[in-house]
């Protein structure tokens, strides 16, 4: 969210007359902390994404890249393993046993990944894992990648169930498709289902990180993508049932062609329901040049259009010069006032899909399936996310920013997440 030149002058006059508090509630930007800015740019590159394994149909269906093909953005490692990226592939071949884990936690999902293990090697894909998994029998699920394991060889769930048929992973690439929904897990190798498992043990984790293991021998992973499951629509495509227009605004909100269209001046459309930890997906189009909008989340009920609050996943398809890695304002997928997007992936006049995952203090965003924001709110707690960390449930709001506003939002859907660990 950004004020134009006239708005800036107005805010200055308000501050001089003692009305700074109201100006801050609307949109006066305070820059991100030094830590946030450094973290967001650590893996930034200047070119448009070159490794885009997802088709437009898959992106619209909710698939996101866990691995961008360029960097380890969105991942964290344990130990001294030399995790690195070569030729659009994550590689590890030296160090003590350890893991590379997603910074984001996932509950129910489909996971696709191509894997290669050196002959005689030992690796695995960990699901719903803590950051430091101790025992795959109780604290996570381990999908084994080890042909030589006597009891649970490749494609087995360690400590649980062997695959229905022998699978060889040594020295050859294999494509895995794993579905984990509630207490059921299925896995296919190169398109053939080899594992069907139903959990009967109580107390197993319902959410956790996805981990890649290095234990013995070189390992390689590529084309890692995920589709969140359990998504439910929060907009019926026909009318604004379940939403309310925040009073005092100038925006108009209408349903056209199964999309919410917002035009004209400042205003907000607020969901009646609230969510704390969630996956949100929406398709968005900006019908003008460099228009400014956003989706607010964990917002307190807005008494009027002049006192909006909440975290804001910004919509603004503008960058400096020819460099999409230099967003104007915070850029599409950035968290306004907190952390800019590392790359503006979307463009004006084109539909794009935004995915936002919020779990406790951690927030991550994908635009057209590409990971653009990975941020942890380390501020002291506050009821208002504009002032501090808020993990309590709050509303979603669609923003009308100014008289030039002309955007549409469709296919809004949400999955509520279990409590993060």
Protein backbone atom coordinates (compact mmCIF):
# COMPACT_ATOMS: atom_id res chain seq x y z
CA UNK A 1 0.00 0.00 0.00
CA UNK A 2 1.44 3.39 -0.97
CA UNK A 3 0.27 6.99 -0.93
CA UNK A 4 0.74 9.14 -4.00
CA UNK A 5 2.40 12.55 -3.95
CA UNK A 6 -0.75 14.38 -2.94
CA UNK A 7 -1.39 11.87 -0.19
CA UNK A 8 2.13 12.35 1.11
CA UNK A 9 1.71 16.12 1.34
CA UNK A 10 -1.62 15.60 3.13
CA UNK A 11 -0.02 13.29 5.69
CA UNK A 12 2.71 15.84 6.33
CA UNK A 13 0.11 18.52 7.02
CA UNK A 14 -1.78 16.16 9.33
CA UNK A 15 1.36 15.39 11.28
CA UNK A 16 2.11 19.07 11.66
CA UNK A 17 -1.40 19.59 13.01
CA UNK A 18 -1.14 16.74 15.54
CA UNK A 19 -3.05 14.04 13.59
CA UNK A 20 -0.19 11.62 13.08
CA UNK A 21 -1.96 8.68 14.69
CA UNK A 22 -4.77 8.60 12.15
CA UNK A 23 -2.30 8.91 9.27
CA UNK A 24 -0.37 5.90 10.57
CA UNK A 25 -3.53 3.83 10.74
CA UNK A 26 -4.12 4.45 7.05
CA UNK A 27 -0.87 3.90 5.22
CA UNK A 28 2.17 5.89 6.34
CA UNK A 29 4.99 3.38 5.75
CA UNK A 30 7.53 2.49 8.36
CA UNK A 31 10.48 0.67 6.75
CA UNK A 32 11.19 -2.97 7.50
CA UNK A 33 13.73 -3.77 10.16
CA UNK A 34 17.31 -4.29 9.07
CA UNK A 35 17.03 -8.02 9.82
CA UNK A 36 13.89 -8.37 7.71
CA UNK A 37 15.41 -6.51 4.78
CA UNK A 38 18.61 -8.57 4.84
CA UNK A 39 16.74 -11.87 5.10
CA UNK A 40 14.43 -11.05 2.20
CA UNK A 41 17.26 -10.24 -0.20
CA UNK A 42 19.70 -12.93 0.82
CA UNK A 43 18.76 -15.17 -2.12
CA UNK A 44 17.54 -12.47 -4.51
CA UNK A 45 18.43 -12.61 -8.20
CA UNK A 46 17.62 -9.95 -10.75
CA UNK A 47 16.22 -11.96 -13.67
CA UNK A 48 12.67 -13.30 -14.04
CA UNK A 49 12.30 -16.86 -12.73
CA UNK A 50 13.92 -19.19 -15.27
CA UNK A 51 13.04 -22.54 -13.70
CA UNK A 52 9.26 -22.82 -13.85
CA UNK A 53 8.29 -26.52 -13.77
CA UNK A 54 4.61 -25.83 -13.09
CA UNK A 55 2.12 -25.34 -15.91
CA UNK A 56 -0.50 -22.53 -15.78
CA UNK A 57 -3.13 -25.20 -15.12
CA UNK A 58 -1.17 -26.61 -12.17
CA UNK A 59 -0.64 -23.13 -10.73
CA UNK A 60 -4.36 -22.39 -10.96
CA UNK A 61 -4.99 -25.76 -9.29
CA UNK A 62 -2.90 -24.67 -6.28
CA UNK A 63 0.56 -26.13 -6.89
CA UNK A 64 3.58 -24.22 -5.55
CA UNK A 65 7.34 -24.68 -5.92
CA UNK A 66 9.15 -25.61 -2.73
CA UNK A 67 12.44 -25.35 -4.63
CA UNK A 68 12.86 -22.41 -7.00
CA UNK A 69 15.56 -24.16 -9.05
CA UNK A 70 18.04 -21.39 -8.25
CA UNK A 71 18.68 -21.15 -4.53
CA UNK A 72 17.85 -22.56 -1.10
CA UNK A 73 15.33 -19.80 -0.42
CA UNK A 74 12.64 -21.16 1.91
CA UNK A 75 14.87 -23.92 3.30
CA UNK A 76 17.03 -24.29 6.41
CA UNK A 77 19.69 -26.87 7.13
CA UNK A 78 20.89 -28.75 10.17
CA UNK A 79 24.51 -29.70 10.78
CA UNK A 80 27.39 -29.11 8.39
CA UNK A 81 26.07 -30.82 5.25
CA UNK A 82 27.16 -28.98 2.08
CA UNK A 83 23.68 -28.45 0.65
CA UNK A 84 24.00 -26.44 -2.58
CA UNK A 85 22.30 -25.86 -5.93
CA UNK A 86 23.80 -27.04 -9.22
CA UNK A 87 21.98 -27.20 -12.57
CA UNK A 88 18.51 -26.62 -11.04
CA UNK A 89 19.22 -29.42 -8.55
CA UNK A 90 19.74 -29.52 -4.78
CA UNK A 91 22.89 -31.55 -4.06
CA UNK A 92 24.62 -32.81 -0.89
CA UNK A 93 27.67 -35.08 -0.74
CA UNK A 94 29.76 -34.21 2.32
CA UNK A 95 29.25 -33.59 6.03
CA UNK A 96 27.81 -35.38 9.01
CA UNK A 97 24.25 -36.72 8.67
CA UNK A 98 21.69 -33.93 8.60
CA UNK A 99 18.64 -32.43 6.95
CA UNK A 100 17.51 -29.63 4.70
CA UNK A 101 14.03 -28.59 5.87
CA UNK A 102 11.38 -26.21 4.62
CA UNK A 103 10.95 -23.10 6.73
CA UNK A 104 7.20 -23.49 6.22
CA UNK A 105 5.16 -26.25 7.83
CA UNK A 106 2.55 -28.24 5.92
CA UNK A 107 -0.37 -30.39 7.07
CA UNK A 108 -2.25 -32.14 4.23
CA UNK A 109 -0.69 -32.04 0.79
CA UNK A 110 0.46 -33.69 -2.40
CA UNK A 111 4.24 -33.63 -2.83
CA UNK A 112 6.17 -34.25 -6.03
CA UNK A 113 9.93 -34.65 -6.11
CA UNK A 114 12.59 -36.18 -8.37
CA UNK A 115 15.34 -37.93 -6.39
CA UNK A 116 18.71 -39.55 -7.09
CA UNK A 117 20.84 -41.44 -4.55
CA UNK A 118 24.40 -42.61 -5.05
CA UNK A 119 24.75 -46.40 -5.21
CA UNK A 120 24.85 -47.73 -1.67
CA UNK A 121 23.64 -44.40 -0.29
CA UNK A 122 21.06 -43.65 2.37
CA UNK A 123 18.60 -40.77 2.24
CA UNK A 124 14.94 -40.03 2.79
CA UNK A 125 12.08 -37.55 2.55
CA UNK A 126 10.71 -36.53 5.96
CA UNK A 127 7.07 -35.45 6.26
CA UNK A 128 5.39 -33.46 9.07
CA UNK A 129 8.80 -33.33 10.67
CA UNK A 130 10.15 -31.21 13.53
CA UNK A 131 13.31 -29.23 12.81
CA UNK A 132 15.36 -31.87 14.59
CA UNK A 133 13.70 -35.25 13.98
CA UNK A 134 14.71 -37.92 16.47
CA UNK A 135 12.56 -40.96 15.79
CA UNK A 136 10.49 -41.44 12.60
CA UNK A 137 8.31 -43.90 14.48
CA UNK A 138 6.80 -41.15 16.64
CA UNK A 139 7.74 -37.60 15.60
CA UNK A 140 7.36 -37.64 11.77
CA UNK A 141 7.03 -39.85 8.70
CA UNK A 142 10.18 -40.94 6.85
CA UNK A 143 9.78 -42.01 3.23
CA UNK A 144 12.97 -43.98 2.79
CA UNK A 145 15.44 -43.66 -0.09
CA UNK A 146 17.83 -46.49 0.65
CA UNK A 147 17.95 -49.64 -1.48
CA UNK A 148 20.14 -51.47 1.04
CA UNK A 149 17.92 -50.97 4.10
CA UNK A 150 17.06 -54.52 5.24
CA UNK A 151 13.64 -53.90 6.78
CA UNK A 152 12.38 -50.70 5.09
CA UNK A 153 14.08 -50.19 1.71
CA UNK A 154 13.34 -47.45 -0.83
CA UNK A 155 9.68 -46.30 -0.97
CA UNK A 156 8.91 -47.71 2.49
CA UNK A 157 7.75 -45.73 5.50
CA UNK A 158 10.45 -46.34 8.09
CA UNK A 159 9.17 -48.17 11.18
CA UNK A 160 5.75 -48.55 9.57
CA UNK A 161 5.26 -50.26 6.23
CA UNK A 162 7.23 -51.59 3.26
CA UNK A 163 6.35 -50.68 -0.32
CA UNK A 164 4.14 -53.10 -2.23
CA UNK A 165 6.92 -53.72 -4.74
CA UNK A 166 10.69 -53.36 -4.92
CA UNK A 167 11.91 -49.93 -6.00
CA UNK A 168 15.50 -49.18 -6.96
CA UNK A 169 16.74 -45.62 -6.46
CA UNK A 170 20.51 -46.24 -6.58
CA UNK A 171 22.21 -44.21 -9.29
CA UNK A 172 19.00 -43.45 -11.23
CA UNK A 173 16.48 -40.62 -11.12
CA UNK A 174 13.04 -41.52 -9.80
CA UNK A 175 9.92 -39.36 -9.67
CA UNK A 176 7.93 -39.59 -6.43
CA UNK A 177 4.37 -38.40 -5.84
CA UNK A 178 3.35 -38.59 -2.18
CA UNK A 179 -0.10 -37.70 -0.86
CA UNK A 180 -0.56 -37.18 2.88
CA UNK A 181 -4.09 -36.37 4.01
CA UNK A 182 -5.17 -36.72 7.63
CA UNK A 183 -4.00 -40.23 8.62
CA UNK A 184 -3.63 -41.64 5.10
CA UNK A 185 -0.49 -41.69 2.97
CA UNK A 186 -0.07 -42.96 -0.57
CA UNK A 187 3.02 -42.89 -2.77
CA UNK A 188 3.66 -43.45 -6.46
CA UNK A 189 7.02 -43.99 -8.16
CA UNK A 190 7.27 -42.99 -11.81
CA UNK A 191 3.48 -42.93 -11.94
CA UNK A 192 2.88 -46.34 -10.34
CA UNK A 193 1.33 -46.53 -6.86
CA UNK A 194 3.59 -48.55 -4.55
CA UNK A 195 2.42 -47.63 -1.05
CA UNK A 196 -0.93 -47.25 0.74
CA UNK A 197 -0.72 -46.60 4.46
CA UNK A 198 -3.29 -45.71 7.12
CA UNK A 199 -2.05 -44.44 10.49
CA UNK A 200 -3.69 -46.06 13.52
CA UNK A 201 -1.31 -44.75 16.18
CA UNK A 202 -2.71 -41.82 18.15
CA UNK A 203 -0.79 -38.65 18.88
CA UNK A 204 1.05 -38.41 15.56
CA UNK A 205 1.86 -34.88 14.35
CA UNK A 206 -0.70 -33.22 12.09
CA UNK A 207 1.67 -30.57 10.73
CA UNK A 208 5.41 -30.18 10.25
CA UNK A 209 8.29 -29.42 7.93
CA UNK A 210 9.32 -31.34 4.82
CA UNK A 211 12.90 -32.52 5.13
CA UNK A 212 15.50 -33.89 2.72
CA UNK A 213 18.01 -36.17 4.40
CA UNK A 214 21.73 -36.62 3.83
CA UNK A 215 23.03 -39.66 5.65
CA UNK A 216 25.39 -41.65 3.46
CA UNK A 217 26.43 -41.11 -0.17
CA UNK A 218 25.63 -38.23 -2.50
CA UNK A 219 21.98 -37.23 -2.94
CA UNK A 220 20.19 -35.02 -5.45
CA UNK A 221 16.69 -33.52 -5.48
CA UNK A 222 14.89 -31.44 -8.12
CA UNK A 223 11.44 -30.37 -9.31
CA UNK A 224 10.09 -30.21 -5.74
CA UNK A 225 6.51 -28.95 -5.71
CA UNK A 226 3.53 -29.19 -3.40
CA UNK A 227 -0.24 -28.76 -3.53
CA UNK A 228 -2.00 -27.94 -0.24
CA UNK A 229 -5.09 -30.06 0.38
CA UNK A 230 -8.28 -29.34 2.29
CA UNK A 231 -8.95 -26.00 0.57
CA UNK A 232 -12.51 -24.67 0.84
CA UNK A 233 -13.97 -21.68 -1.03
CA UNK A 234 -14.64 -18.49 0.94
CA UNK A 235 -16.26 -16.75 -2.05
CA UNK A 236 -19.12 -18.47 -3.85
CA UNK A 237 -18.57 -16.75 -7.20
CA UNK A 238 -22.12 -15.39 -7.28
CA UNK A 239 -22.56 -12.80 -4.54
CA UNK A 240 -20.86 -11.36 -1.46
CA UNK A 241 -22.38 -13.79 1.04
CA UNK A 242 -19.89 -14.20 3.91
CA UNK A 243 -18.36 -10.75 3.35
CA UNK A 244 -19.21 -7.21 4.45
CA UNK A 245 -18.22 -3.83 3.05
CA UNK A 246 -16.41 -1.84 5.75
CA UNK A 247 -18.36 1.42 6.28
CA UNK A 248 -16.98 4.80 5.31
CA UNK A 249 -15.12 3.74 2.17
CA UNK A 250 -15.43 4.86 -1.45
CA UNK A 251 -14.68 1.54 -3.13
CA UNK A 252 -17.34 -0.36 -5.01
CA UNK A 253 -17.36 -4.16 -4.70
CA UNK A 254 -19.33 -6.10 -7.30
CA UNK A 255 -19.42 -9.69 -8.48
CA UNK A 256 -18.75 -9.99 -12.21
CA UNK A 257 -17.78 -13.13 -14.13
CA UNK A 258 -17.44 -15.11 -10.87
CA UNK A 259 -14.94 -12.59 -9.51
CA UNK A 260 -15.03 -9.81 -6.92
CA UNK A 261 -14.31 -6.57 -8.75
CA UNK A 262 -13.14 -3.58 -6.73
CA UNK A 263 -13.03 -0.08 -8.21
CA UNK A 264 -12.65 3.56 -7.21
CA UNK A 265 -11.35 5.01 -3.94
CA UNK A 266 -10.23 3.63 -0.62
CA UNK A 267 -12.32 0.86 0.90
CA UNK A 268 -12.29 -2.69 2.25
CA UNK A 269 -14.32 -5.84 1.85
CA UNK A 270 -14.00 -7.90 5.06
CA UNK A 271 -14.70 -11.59 5.59
CA UNK A 272 -17.21 -12.44 8.29
CA UNK A 273 -15.22 -15.51 9.34
CA UNK A 274 -11.78 -15.40 10.95
CA UNK A 275 -8.68 -17.58 10.69
CA UNK A 276 -5.46 -17.89 12.71
CA UNK A 277 -3.12 -20.38 10.95
CA UNK A 278 -4.11 -21.02 7.35
CA UNK A 279 -3.30 -21.51 3.69
CA UNK A 280 -4.97 -18.88 1.49
CA UNK A 281 -5.04 -19.02 -2.31
CA UNK A 282 -6.59 -16.50 -4.71
CA UNK A 283 -6.42 -15.52 -8.35
CA UNK A 284 -5.99 -11.79 -8.95
CA UNK A 285 -5.79 -9.42 -11.90
CA UNK A 286 -4.77 -5.76 -11.91
CA UNK A 287 -6.55 -4.04 -14.81
CA UNK A 288 -4.41 -0.89 -14.82
CA UNK A 289 -0.74 0.07 -14.74
CA UNK A 290 1.00 -0.49 -11.40
CA UNK A 291 -2.19 -0.39 -9.37
CA UNK A 292 -2.01 -0.79 -5.61
CA UNK A 293 -4.07 -3.24 -3.55
CA UNK A 294 -3.66 -6.17 -1.20
CA UNK A 295 -5.21 -8.92 0.86
CA UNK A 296 -5.18 -8.28 4.61
CA UNK A 297 -5.17 -11.17 7.07
CA UNK A 298 -5.43 -11.70 10.82
CA UNK A 299 -7.07 -8.29 10.84
CA UNK A 300 -9.04 -6.91 13.75
CA UNK A 301 -12.63 -5.94 12.86
CA UNK A 302 -12.38 -2.65 10.99
CA UNK A 303 -14.68 0.06 12.43
CA UNK A 304 -14.26 2.15 9.28
CA UNK A 305 -12.29 2.34 6.06
CA UNK A 306 -9.97 4.87 7.69
CA UNK A 307 -8.64 2.53 10.37
CA UNK A 308 -7.71 -0.71 8.64
CA UNK A 309 -5.29 -3.09 10.32
CA UNK A 310 -3.81 -6.54 9.79
CA UNK A 311 -0.91 -8.02 7.88
CA UNK A 312 -1.09 -7.14 4.19
CA UNK A 313 0.06 -9.35 1.32
CA UNK A 314 0.52 -6.56 -1.17
CA UNK A 315 -0.54 -6.44 -4.82
CA UNK A 316 1.63 -4.07 -6.86
CA UNK A 317 3.16 -5.26 -10.13
CA UNK A 318 5.90 -2.66 -10.47
CA UNK A 319 9.68 -2.82 -10.33
CA UNK A 320 12.62 -0.48 -10.89
CA UNK A 321 13.87 -0.33 -14.46
CA UNK A 322 14.20 -3.80 -15.95
CA UNK A 323 14.95 -5.47 -12.63
CA UNK A 324 12.05 -7.49 -11.19
CA UNK A 325 14.26 -8.08 -8.16
CA UNK A 326 13.82 -4.42 -7.17
CA UNK A 327 10.13 -3.96 -6.34
CA UNK A 328 8.57 -0.54 -6.15
CA UNK A 329 7.03 -0.20 -2.71
CA UNK A 330 6.89 -3.77 -1.29
CA UNK A 331 5.80 -5.46 -4.51
CA UNK A 332 3.28 -8.21 -5.18
CA UNK A 333 3.69 -10.89 -2.53
CA UNK A 334 5.58 -8.67 -0.11
CA UNK A 335 4.24 -8.07 3.40
CA UNK A 336 3.57 -4.34 3.46
CA UNK A 337 5.73 -2.40 5.93
CA UNK A 338 7.61 -5.55 6.91
CA UNK A 339 9.42 -7.31 4.08
CA UNK A 340 9.48 -6.68 0.31
CA UNK A 341 8.97 -9.43 -2.21
CA UNK A 342 12.31 -10.73 -3.44
CA UNK A 343 11.01 -10.68 -7.02
CA UNK A 344 7.95 -9.28 -8.77
CA UNK A 345 6.72 -12.35 -10.65
CA UNK A 346 3.26 -11.17 -11.78
CA UNK A 347 2.39 -8.55 -14.40
CA UNK A 348 -0.50 -6.15 -14.90
CA UNK A 349 -3.45 -7.21 -17.08
CA UNK A 350 -2.73 -10.90 -16.43
CA UNK A 351 -4.39 -13.22 -13.92
CA UNK A 352 -1.97 -14.59 -11.32
CA UNK A 353 -2.30 -16.87 -8.29
CA UNK A 354 -1.16 -15.79 -4.82
CA UNK A 355 -0.63 -18.32 -2.02
CA UNK A 356 -0.19 -17.12 1.58
CA UNK A 357 0.65 -19.48 4.45
CA UNK A 358 0.58 -18.10 7.99
CA UNK A 359 1.60 -20.27 10.95
CA UNK A 360 2.20 -18.65 14.29
CA UNK A 361 4.90 -16.00 13.64
CA UNK A 362 5.98 -17.38 10.27
CA UNK A 363 4.54 -16.10 6.97
CA UNK A 364 5.39 -17.27 3.46
CA UNK A 365 4.04 -16.18 0.07
CA UNK A 366 4.13 -17.63 -3.45
CA UNK A 367 3.12 -15.82 -6.64
CA UNK A 368 2.25 -18.05 -9.58
CA UNK A 369 3.77 -20.89 -7.60
CA UNK A 370 7.13 -19.15 -7.19
CA UNK A 371 8.35 -18.48 -3.60
CA UNK A 372 8.75 -14.73 -3.07
CA UNK A 373 8.48 -14.09 0.68
CA UNK A 374 9.69 -16.03 3.72
CA UNK A 375 9.48 -14.05 6.95
CA UNK A 376 9.17 -14.54 10.70
CA UNK A 377 7.60 -11.73 12.71
CA UNK A 378 9.93 -11.22 15.65
CA UNK A 379 8.22 -8.13 17.04
CA UNK A 380 6.65 -8.17 20.52
CA UNK A 381 3.01 -9.34 20.51
CA UNK A 382 0.26 -6.82 19.84
CA UNK A 383 -3.44 -7.09 19.10
CA UNK A 384 -2.90 -4.98 15.98
CA UNK A 385 -0.51 -6.56 13.43
CA UNK A 386 0.46 -3.08 12.28
CA UNK A 387 2.13 -2.63 15.66
CA UNK A 388 3.39 -6.11 16.59
CA UNK A 389 3.11 -9.87 16.25
CA UNK A 390 -0.43 -11.20 16.05
CA UNK A 391 -1.07 -14.95 15.93
CA UNK A 392 -4.74 -14.80 16.96
CA UNK A 393 -7.48 -15.36 14.41
CA UNK A 394 -8.50 -12.38 12.30
CA UNK A 395 -10.42 -11.38 9.20
CA UNK A 396 -9.39 -11.35 5.55
CA UNK A 397 -9.92 -8.05 3.75
CA UNK A 398 -9.67 -7.07 0.09
CA UNK A 399 -8.40 -3.54 -0.37
CA UNK A 400 -9.50 -0.72 -2.62
CA UNK A 401 -6.60 1.72 -2.47
CA UNK A 402 -7.40 4.92 -4.38
CA UNK A 403 -9.50 6.32 -7.28
CA UNK A 404 -7.45 4.35 -9.84
CA UNK A 405 -8.32 0.98 -8.24
CA UNK A 406 -9.56 -1.59 -10.74
CA UNK A 407 -8.80 -5.18 -9.74
CA UNK A 408 -10.60 -8.52 -9.58
CA UNK A 409 -10.25 -11.43 -7.16
CA UNK A 410 -11.57 -14.95 -7.80
CA UNK A 411 -11.20 -18.55 -6.62
CA UNK A 412 -10.54 -17.46 -3.03
CA UNK A 413 -10.10 -20.60 -0.92
CA UNK A 414 -8.68 -21.38 2.50
CA UNK A 415 -7.49 -24.37 4.51
CA UNK A 416 -7.29 -23.98 8.26
CA UNK A 417 -4.06 -25.38 9.67
CA UNK A 418 -3.44 -27.27 12.92
CA UNK A 419 -1.41 -25.49 15.56
CA UNK A 420 2.24 -25.21 14.49
CA UNK A 421 4.88 -26.92 16.55
